[in-house]
Amino acid sequence: MVVTVGIYTQDALTFAKGKPIDLIDGQKLEKMVTEVRQGEGQFKTGTGKICPSCGSVMVKRLAKKGPNTGNQFWGCSSFPKCRMVENI
């Protein structure tokens, strides 16, 4: 996920098309922040949802070790500060 408070150039949009890149421009970011402030914090984003513990964006992650190796889960993007995880 790449976030800007401005806008993306056409070259950036073309580059990201078809790739696992979610471009969040200023307008979309403002809408997301407004929704969180209005208590609608469980909205879906292109790659995750909002962490119920700290309010950061949650992202899909892949367990690399342990009994859940190879399984996906929601992990807080502010890890290791916030260690919130949820099953997908």
PDB file of N, CA and C in Angstrom:
ATOM      1  N   MET A   1       0.849  -1.163   0.000  1.00  0.00           N
ATOM      2  CA  MET A   1       0.000   0.000   0.000  1.00  0.00           C
ATOM      3  C   MET A   1       0.902   1.236   0.000  1.00  0.00           C
ATOM      4  N   VAL A   2       0.596   2.171  -0.896  1.00  0.00           N
ATOM      5  CA  VAL A   2       1.339   3.422  -0.959  1.00  0.00           C
ATOM      6  C   VAL A   2       0.330   4.556  -0.772  1.00  0.00           C
ATOM      7  N   VAL A   3       0.605   5.435   0.180  1.00  0.00           N
ATOM      8  CA  VAL A   3      -0.329   6.506   0.521  1.00  0.00           C
ATOM      9  C   VAL A   3       0.332   7.857   0.282  1.00  0.00           C
ATOM     10  N   THR A   4      -0.440   8.787  -0.294  1.00  0.00           N
ATOM     11  CA  THR A   4       0.009  10.156  -0.460  1.00  0.00           C
ATOM     12  C   THR A   4      -1.130  11.091  -0.081  1.00  0.00           C
ATOM     13  N   VAL A   5      -0.796  12.307   0.316  1.00  0.00           N
ATOM     14  CA  VAL A   5      -1.838  13.288   0.585  1.00  0.00           C
ATOM     15  C   VAL A   5      -2.199  14.033  -0.693  1.00  0.00           C
ATOM     16  N   GLY A   6      -1.438  13.814  -1.737  1.00  0.00           N
ATOM     17  CA  GLY A   6      -1.678  14.460  -3.024  1.00  0.00           C
ATOM     18  C   GLY A   6      -2.355  13.520  -3.998  1.00  0.00           C
ATOM     19  N   ILE A   7      -1.892  13.564  -5.251  1.00  0.00           N
ATOM     20  CA  ILE A   7      -2.441  12.703  -6.297  1.00  0.00           C
ATOM     21  C   ILE A   7      -1.290  11.929  -6.941  1.00  0.00           C
ATOM     22  N   TYR A   8      -1.633  10.875  -7.658  1.00  0.00           N
ATOM     23  CA  TYR A   8      -0.643  10.081  -8.371  1.00  0.00           C
ATOM     24  C   TYR A   8      -0.604  10.489  -9.837  1.00  0.00           C
ATOM     25  N   THR A   9       0.584  10.451 -10.411  1.00  0.00           N
ATOM     26  CA  THR A   9       0.723  10.735 -11.841  1.00  0.00           C
ATOM     27  C   THR A   9       0.169   9.562 -12.640  1.00  0.00           C
ATOM     28  N   GLN A  10      -0.096   9.811 -13.898  1.00  0.00           N
ATOM     29  CA  GLN A  10      -0.577   8.732 -14.762  1.00  0.00           C
ATOM     30  C   GLN A  10       0.463   7.622 -14.847  1.00  0.00           C
ATOM     31  N   ASP A  11       1.755   7.974 -14.845  1.00  0.00           N
ATOM     32  CA  ASP A  11       2.818   6.960 -14.873  1.00  0.00           C
ATOM     33  C   ASP A  11       2.745   6.046 -13.645  1.00  0.00           C
ATOM     34  N   ALA A  12       2.484   6.628 -12.478  1.00  0.00           N
ATOM     35  CA  ALA A  12       2.385   5.831 -11.252  1.00  0.00           C
ATOM     36  C   ALA A  12       1.178   4.898 -11.314  1.00  0.00           C
ATOM     37  N   LEU A  13       0.047   5.416 -11.790  1.00  0.00           N
ATOM     38  CA  LEU A  13      -1.155   4.595 -11.915  1.00  0.00           C
ATOM     39  C   LEU A  13      -0.935   3.445 -12.893  1.00  0.00           C
ATOM     40  N   THR A  14      -0.272   3.740 -14.001  1.00  0.00           N
ATOM     41  CA  THR A  14       0.020   2.710 -15.002  1.00  0.00           C
ATOM     42  C   THR A  14       0.956   1.655 -14.430  1.00  0.00           C
ATOM     43  N   PHE A  15       1.981   2.093 -13.706  1.00  0.00           N
ATOM     44  CA  PHE A  15       2.947   1.177 -13.101  1.00  0.00           C
ATOM     45  C   PHE A  15       2.259   0.224 -12.121  1.00  0.00           C
ATOM     46  N   ALA A  16       1.343   0.739 -11.304  1.00  0.00           N
ATOM     47  CA  ALA A  16       0.704  -0.072 -10.261  1.00  0.00           C
ATOM     48  C   ALA A  16      -0.368  -1.011 -10.809  1.00  0.00           C
ATOM     49  N   LYS A  17      -0.887  -0.704 -11.993  1.00  0.00           N
ATOM     50  CA  LYS A  17      -1.976  -1.508 -12.551  1.00  0.00           C
ATOM     51  C   LYS A  17      -1.529  -2.961 -12.737  1.00  0.00           C
ATOM     52  N   GLY A  18      -2.327  -3.877 -12.217  1.00  0.00           N
ATOM     53  CA  GLY A  18      -2.040  -5.300 -12.350  1.00  0.00           C
ATOM     54  C   GLY A  18      -1.032  -5.828 -11.344  1.00  0.00           C
ATOM     55  N   LYS A  19      -0.536  -4.968 -10.477  1.00  0.00           N
ATOM     56  CA  LYS A  19       0.418  -5.382  -9.442  1.00  0.00           C
ATOM     57  C   LYS A  19      -0.281  -5.356  -8.088  1.00  0.00           C
ATOM     58  N   PRO A  20       0.260  -6.067  -7.113  1.00  0.00           N
ATOM     59  CA  PRO A  20      -0.344  -6.058  -5.774  1.00  0.00           C
ATOM     60  C   PRO A  20       0.011  -4.776  -5.015  1.00  0.00           C
ATOM     61  N   ILE A  21      -0.302  -3.642  -5.646  1.00  0.00           N
ATOM     62  CA  ILE A  21      -0.023  -2.334  -5.058  1.00  0.00           C
ATOM     63  C   ILE A  21      -1.339  -1.582  -4.956  1.00  0.00           C
ATOM     64  N   ASP A  22      -1.658  -1.098  -3.782  1.00  0.00           N
ATOM     65  CA  ASP A  22      -2.873  -0.320  -3.573  1.00  0.00           C
ATOM     66  C   ASP A  22      -2.461   1.135  -3.385  1.00  0.00           C
ATOM     67  N   LEU A  23      -2.810   1.997  -4.342  1.00  0.00           N
ATOM     68  CA  LEU A  23      -2.482   3.413  -4.263  1.00  0.00           C
ATOM     69  C   LEU A  23      -3.625   4.165  -3.593  1.00  0.00           C
ATOM     70  N   ILE A  24      -3.321   4.823  -2.490  1.00  0.00           N
ATOM     71  CA  ILE A  24      -4.307   5.625  -1.758  1.00  0.00           C
ATOM     72  C   ILE A  24      -3.908   7.084  -1.943  1.00  0.00           C
ATOM     73  N   ASP A  25      -4.758   7.848  -2.652  1.00  0.00           N
ATOM     74  CA  ASP A  25      -4.454   9.264  -2.851  1.00  0.00           C
ATOM     75  C   ASP A  25      -5.077  10.091  -1.731  1.00  0.00           C
ATOM     76  N   GLY A  26      -4.822  11.389  -1.742  1.00  0.00           N
ATOM     77  CA  GLY A  26      -5.300  12.266  -0.681  1.00  0.00           C
ATOM     78  C   GLY A  26      -6.801  12.238  -0.497  1.00  0.00           C
ATOM     79  N   GLN A  27      -7.545  12.200  -1.587  1.00  0.00           N
ATOM     80  CA  GLN A  27      -9.002  12.186  -1.511  1.00  0.00           C
ATOM     81  C   GLN A  27      -9.506  10.904  -0.843  1.00  0.00           C
ATOM     82  N   LYS A  28      -8.941   9.768  -1.248  1.00  0.00           N
ATOM     83  CA  LYS A  28      -9.350   8.486  -0.653  1.00  0.00           C
ATOM     84  C   LYS A  28      -8.917   8.411   0.812  1.00  0.00           C
ATOM     85  N   LEU A  29      -7.729   8.935   1.119  1.00  0.00           N
ATOM     86  CA  LEU A  29      -7.232   8.947   2.492  1.00  0.00           C
ATOM     87  C   LEU A  29      -8.147   9.789   3.381  1.00  0.00           C
ATOM     88  N   GLU A  30      -8.550  10.954   2.886  1.00  0.00           N
ATOM     89  CA  GLU A  30      -9.446  11.815   3.654  1.00  0.00           C
ATOM     90  C   GLU A  30     -10.769  11.102   3.944  1.00  0.00           C
ATOM     91  N   LYS A  31     -11.292  10.392   2.956  1.00  0.00           N
ATOM     92  CA  LYS A  31     -12.542   9.643   3.136  1.00  0.00           C
ATOM     93  C   LYS A  31     -12.358   8.552   4.188  1.00  0.00           C
ATOM     94  N   MET A  32     -11.236   7.845   4.136  1.00  0.00           N
ATOM     95  CA  MET A  32     -10.968   6.785   5.098  1.00  0.00           C
ATOM     96  C   MET A  32     -10.888   7.342   6.513  1.00  0.00           C
ATOM     97  N   VAL A  33     -10.177   8.460   6.686  1.00  0.00           N
ATOM     98  CA  VAL A  33     -10.032   9.078   8.003  1.00  0.00           C
ATOM     99  C   VAL A  33     -11.389   9.543   8.525  1.00  0.00           C
ATOM    100  N   THR A  34     -12.183  10.145   7.659  1.00  0.00           N
ATOM    101  CA  THR A  34     -13.525  10.603   8.048  1.00  0.00           C
ATOM    102  C   THR A  34     -14.373   9.438   8.514  1.00  0.00           C
ATOM    103  N   GLU A  35     -14.327   8.312   7.799  1.00  0.00           N
ATOM    104  CA  GLU A  35     -15.108   7.135   8.188  1.00  0.00           C
ATOM    105  C   GLU A  35     -14.678   6.608   9.549  1.00  0.00           C
ATOM    106  N   VAL A  36     -13.382   6.608   9.803  1.00  0.00           N
ATOM    107  CA  VAL A  36     -12.884   6.132  11.099  1.00  0.00           C
ATOM    108  C   VAL A  36     -13.345   7.078  12.207  1.00  0.00           C
ATOM    109  N   ARG A  37     -13.250   8.367  11.973  1.00  0.00           N
ATOM    110  CA  ARG A  37     -13.665   9.350  12.990  1.00  0.00           C
ATOM    111  C   ARG A  37     -15.161   9.289  13.261  1.00  0.00           C
ATOM    112  N   GLN A  38     -15.945   8.879  12.295  1.00  0.00           N
ATOM    113  CA  GLN A  38     -17.399   8.777  12.464  1.00  0.00           C
ATOM    114  C   GLN A  38     -17.805   7.423  13.023  1.00  0.00           C
ATOM    115  N   GLY A  39     -16.827   6.606  13.414  1.00  0.00           N
ATOM    116  CA  GLY A  39     -17.136   5.323  14.022  1.00  0.00           C
ATOM    117  C   GLY A  39     -17.399   4.207  13.042  1.00  0.00           C
ATOM    118  N   GLU A  40     -17.043   4.396  11.795  1.00  0.00           N
ATOM    119  CA  GLU A  40     -17.242   3.350  10.794  1.00  0.00           C
ATOM    120  C   GLU A  40     -15.913   2.665  10.513  1.00  0.00           C
ATOM    121  N   GLY A  41     -15.144   2.412  11.554  1.00  0.00           N
ATOM    122  CA  GLY A  41     -13.788   1.942  11.422  1.00  0.00           C
ATOM    123  C   GLY A  41     -13.592   0.534  10.910  1.00  0.00           C
ATOM    124  N   GLN A  42     -14.629  -0.209  10.657  1.00  0.00           N
ATOM    125  CA  GLN A  42     -14.460  -1.571  10.167  1.00  0.00           C
ATOM    126  C   GLN A  42     -14.594  -1.663   8.656  1.00  0.00           C
ATOM    127  N   PHE A  43     -14.472  -0.518   7.953  1.00  0.00           N
ATOM    128  CA  PHE A  43     -14.572  -0.559   6.495  1.00  0.00           C
ATOM    129  C   PHE A  43     -13.417  -1.341   5.903  1.00  0.00           C
ATOM    130  N   LYS A  44     -13.645  -1.892   4.733  1.00  0.00           N
ATOM    131  CA  LYS A  44     -12.606  -2.645   4.039  1.00  0.00           C
ATOM    132  C   LYS A  44     -11.783  -1.702   3.175  1.00  0.00           C
ATOM    133  N   THR A  45     -10.502  -1.929   3.127  1.00  0.00           N
ATOM    134  CA  THR A  45      -9.636  -1.209   2.210  1.00  0.00           C
ATOM    135  C   THR A  45      -9.210  -2.195   1.147  1.00  0.00           C
ATOM    136  N   GLY A  46      -8.384  -1.758   0.238  1.00  0.00           N
ATOM    137  CA  GLY A  46      -7.944  -2.652  -0.811  1.00  0.00           C
ATOM    138  C   GLY A  46      -7.162  -3.834  -0.283  1.00  0.00           C
ATOM    139  N   THR A  47      -6.495  -3.701   0.864  1.00  0.00           N
ATOM    140  CA  THR A  47      -5.656  -4.787   1.337  1.00  0.00           C
ATOM    141  C   THR A  47      -5.956  -5.233   2.751  1.00  0.00           C
ATOM    142  N   GLY A  48      -6.887  -4.653   3.393  1.00  0.00           N
ATOM    143  CA  GLY A  48      -7.133  -5.053   4.763  1.00  0.00           C
ATOM    144  C   GLY A  48      -8.297  -4.330   5.384  1.00  0.00           C
ATOM    145  N   LYS A  49      -8.248  -4.198   6.699  1.00  0.00           N
ATOM    146  CA  LYS A  49      -9.277  -3.483   7.438  1.00  0.00           C
ATOM    147  C   LYS A  49      -8.607  -2.768   8.590  1.00  0.00           C
ATOM    148  N   ILE A  50      -9.377  -2.079   9.387  1.00  0.00           N
ATOM    149  CA  ILE A  50      -8.827  -1.290  10.481  1.00  0.00           C
ATOM    150  C   ILE A  50      -8.652  -2.150  11.732  1.00  0.00           C
ATOM    151  N   CYS A  51      -7.502  -2.007  12.363  1.00  0.00           N
ATOM    152  CA  CYS A  51      -7.183  -2.755  13.583  1.00  0.00           C
ATOM    153  C   CYS A  51      -8.096  -2.298  14.719  1.00  0.00           C
ATOM    154  N   PRO A  52      -8.812  -3.227  15.353  1.00  0.00           N
ATOM    155  CA  PRO A  52      -9.696  -2.841  16.461  1.00  0.00           C
ATOM    156  C   PRO A  52      -8.926  -2.420  17.710  1.00  0.00           C
ATOM    157  N   SER A  53      -7.641  -2.728  17.769  1.00  0.00           N
ATOM    158  CA  SER A  53      -6.843  -2.400  18.935  1.00  0.00           C
ATOM    159  C   SER A  53      -6.239  -1.001  18.867  1.00  0.00           C
ATOM    160  N   CYS A  54      -5.642  -0.649  17.704  1.00  0.00           N
ATOM    161  CA  CYS A  54      -4.925   0.635  17.635  1.00  0.00           C
ATOM    162  C   CYS A  54      -5.394   1.558  16.515  1.00  0.00           C
ATOM    163  N   GLY A  55      -6.240   1.079  15.607  1.00  0.00           N
ATOM    164  CA  GLY A  55      -6.754   1.928  14.537  1.00  0.00           C
ATOM    165  C   GLY A  55      -5.908   1.966  13.280  1.00  0.00           C
ATOM    166  N   SER A  56      -4.803   1.243  13.253  1.00  0.00           N
ATOM    167  CA  SER A  56      -3.968   1.166  12.051  1.00  0.00           C
ATOM    168  C   SER A  56      -4.625   0.236  11.031  1.00  0.00           C
ATOM    169  N   VAL A  57      -4.140   0.278   9.818  1.00  0.00           N
ATOM    170  CA  VAL A  57      -4.650  -0.619   8.787  1.00  0.00           C
ATOM    171  C   VAL A  57      -4.136  -2.027   9.042  1.00  0.00           C
ATOM    172  N   MET A  58      -5.013  -3.013   8.917  1.00  0.00           N
ATOM    173  CA  MET A  58      -4.589  -4.406   9.019  1.00  0.00           C
ATOM    174  C   MET A  58      -4.320  -4.924   7.613  1.00  0.00           C
ATOM    175  N   VAL A  59      -3.345  -5.795   7.504  1.00  0.00           N
ATOM    176  CA  VAL A  59      -2.953  -6.330   6.207  1.00  0.00           C
ATOM    177  C   VAL A  59      -2.942  -7.852   6.263  1.00  0.00           C
ATOM    178  N   LYS A  60      -3.127  -8.469   5.096  1.00  0.00           N
ATOM    179  CA  LYS A  60      -3.045  -9.926   5.025  1.00  0.00           C
ATOM    180  C   LYS A  60      -1.577 -10.317   5.124  1.00  0.00           C
ATOM    181  N   ARG A  61      -1.315 -11.261   5.975  1.00  0.00           N
ATOM    182  CA  ARG A  61       0.050 -11.769   6.153  1.00  0.00           C
ATOM    183  C   ARG A  61       0.025 -13.287   6.021  1.00  0.00           C
ATOM    184  N   LEU A  62       1.198 -13.855   5.821  1.00  0.00           N
ATOM    185  CA  LEU A  62       1.347 -15.293   5.685  1.00  0.00           C
ATOM    186  C   LEU A  62       2.218 -15.802   6.820  1.00  0.00           C
ATOM    187  N   ALA A  63       1.687 -16.754   7.581  1.00  0.00           N
ATOM    188  CA  ALA A  63       2.448 -17.332   8.686  1.00  0.00           C
ATOM    189  C   ALA A  63       3.658 -18.077   8.124  1.00  0.00           C
ATOM    190  N   LYS A  64       4.845 -17.737   8.636  1.00  0.00           N
ATOM    191  CA  LYS A  64       6.086 -18.335   8.129  1.00  0.00           C
ATOM    192  C   LYS A  64       6.621 -19.451   9.011  1.00  0.00           C
ATOM    193  N   LYS A  65       6.097 -19.538  10.239  1.00  0.00           N
ATOM    194  CA  LYS A  65       6.543 -20.609  11.128  1.00  0.00           C
ATOM    195  C   LYS A  65       5.451 -20.915  12.141  1.00  0.00           C
ATOM    196  N   GLY A  66       5.635 -21.990  12.865  1.00  0.00           N
ATOM    197  CA  GLY A  66       4.647 -22.394  13.852  1.00  0.00           C
ATOM    198  C   GLY A  66       3.594 -23.316  13.258  1.00  0.00           C
ATOM    199  N   PRO A  67       2.578 -23.627  14.049  1.00  0.00           N
ATOM    200  CA  PRO A  67       1.559 -24.586  13.601  1.00  0.00           C
ATOM    201  C   PRO A  67       0.696 -24.074  12.443  1.00  0.00           C
ATOM    202  N   ASN A  68       0.689 -22.777  12.212  1.00  0.00           N
ATOM    203  CA  ASN A  68      -0.124 -22.203  11.133  1.00  0.00           C
ATOM    204  C   ASN A  68       0.692 -21.843   9.895  1.00  0.00           C
ATOM    205  N   THR A  69       1.875 -22.387   9.744  1.00  0.00           N
ATOM    206  CA  THR A  69       2.735 -22.099   8.602  1.00  0.00           C
ATOM    207  C   THR A  69       1.976 -22.251   7.292  1.00  0.00           C
ATOM    208  N   GLY A  70       2.071 -21.213   6.453  1.00  0.00           N
ATOM    209  CA  GLY A  70       1.423 -21.242   5.156  1.00  0.00           C
ATOM    210  C   GLY A  70       0.014 -20.691   5.136  1.00  0.00           C
ATOM    211  N   ASN A  71      -0.559 -20.438   6.298  1.00  0.00           N
ATOM    212  CA  ASN A  71      -1.914 -19.896   6.384  1.00  0.00           C
ATOM    213  C   ASN A  71      -1.882 -18.371   6.438  1.00  0.00           C
ATOM    214  N   GLN A  72      -2.899 -17.734   5.843  1.00  0.00           N
ATOM    215  CA  GLN A  72      -3.010 -16.281   5.893  1.00  0.00           C
ATOM    216  C   GLN A  72      -3.760 -15.833   7.138  1.00  0.00           C
ATOM    217  N   PHE A  73      -3.460 -14.618   7.586  1.00  0.00           N
ATOM    218  CA  PHE A  73      -4.166 -14.018   8.714  1.00  0.00           C
ATOM    219  C   PHE A  73      -4.108 -12.504   8.565  1.00  0.00           C
ATOM    220  N   TRP A  74      -4.993 -11.784   9.275  1.00  0.00           N
ATOM    221  CA  TRP A  74      -4.928 -10.334   9.328  1.00  0.00           C
ATOM    222  C   TRP A  74      -3.936  -9.960  10.414  1.00  0.00           C
ATOM    223  N   GLY A  75      -2.966  -9.114  10.079  1.00  0.00           N
ATOM    224  CA  GLY A  75      -1.995  -8.630  11.052  1.00  0.00           C
ATOM    225  C   GLY A  75      -1.952  -7.111  11.015  1.00  0.00           C
ATOM    226  N   CYS A  76      -1.765  -6.503  12.157  1.00  0.00           N
ATOM    227  CA  CYS A  76      -1.722  -5.047  12.235  1.00  0.00           C
ATOM    228  C   CYS A  76      -0.479  -4.525  11.520  1.00  0.00           C
ATOM    229  N   SER A  77      -0.653  -3.455  10.733  1.00  0.00           N
ATOM    230  CA  SER A  77       0.470  -2.880   9.989  1.00  0.00           C
ATOM    231  C   SER A  77       1.455  -2.159  10.894  1.00  0.00           C
ATOM    232  N   SER A  78       1.081  -1.909  12.148  1.00  0.00           N
ATOM    233  CA  SER A  78       2.016  -1.238  13.057  1.00  0.00           C
ATOM    234  C   SER A  78       2.835  -2.237  13.887  1.00  0.00           C
ATOM    235  N   PHE A  79       2.791  -3.519  13.503  1.00  0.00           N
ATOM    236  CA  PHE A  79       3.623  -4.530  14.162  1.00  0.00           C
ATOM    237  C   PHE A  79       5.087  -4.083  14.111  1.00  0.00           C
ATOM    238  N   PRO A  80       5.880  -4.197  15.143  1.00  0.00           N
ATOM    239  CA  PRO A  80       5.647  -4.931  16.384  1.00  0.00           C
ATOM    240  C   PRO A  80       5.020  -4.095  17.505  1.00  0.00           C
ATOM    241  N   LYS A  81       4.767  -2.802  17.267  1.00  0.00           N
ATOM    242  CA  LYS A  81       4.152  -1.977  18.305  1.00  0.00           C
ATOM    243  C   LYS A  81       2.791  -2.540  18.712  1.00  0.00           C
ATOM    244  N   CYS A  82       1.987  -2.920  17.730  1.00  0.00           N
ATOM    245  CA  CYS A  82       0.693  -3.545  18.003  1.00  0.00           C
ATOM    246  C   CYS A  82       0.753  -4.965  17.423  1.00  0.00           C
ATOM    247  N   ARG A  83       0.403  -5.933  18.207  1.00  0.00           N
ATOM    248  CA  ARG A  83       0.499  -7.335  17.804  1.00  0.00           C
ATOM    249  C   ARG A  83      -0.858  -7.976  17.543  1.00  0.00           C
ATOM    250  N   MET A  84      -1.846  -7.131  17.219  1.00  0.00           N
ATOM    251  CA  MET A  84      -3.206  -7.625  16.969  1.00  0.00           C
ATOM    252  C   MET A  84      -3.231  -8.498  15.726  1.00  0.00           C
ATOM    253  N   VAL A  85      -3.851  -9.655  15.809  1.00  0.00           N
ATOM    254  CA  VAL A  85      -4.045 -10.543  14.660  1.00  0.00           C
ATOM    255  C   VAL A  85      -5.478 -11.048  14.682  1.00  0.00           C
ATOM    256  N   GLU A  86      -6.015 -11.370  13.502  1.00  0.00           N
ATOM    257  CA  GLU A  86      -7.342 -11.956  13.381  1.00  0.00           C
ATOM    258  C   GLU A  86      -7.294 -13.032  12.299  1.00  0.00           C
ATOM    259  N   ASN A  87      -8.101 -14.047  12.476  1.00  0.00           N
ATOM    260  CA  ASN A  87      -8.209 -15.087  11.441  1.00  0.00           C
ATOM    261  C   ASN A  87      -8.922 -14.519  10.229  1.00  0.00           C
ATOM    262  N   ILE A  88      -8.552 -15.040   9.072  1.00  0.00           N
ATOM    263  CA  ILE A  88      -9.228 -14.650   7.840  1.00  0.00           C
ATOM    264  C   ILE A  88     -10.393 -15.584   7.619  1.00  0.00           C
TER     265      ILE A  88
END
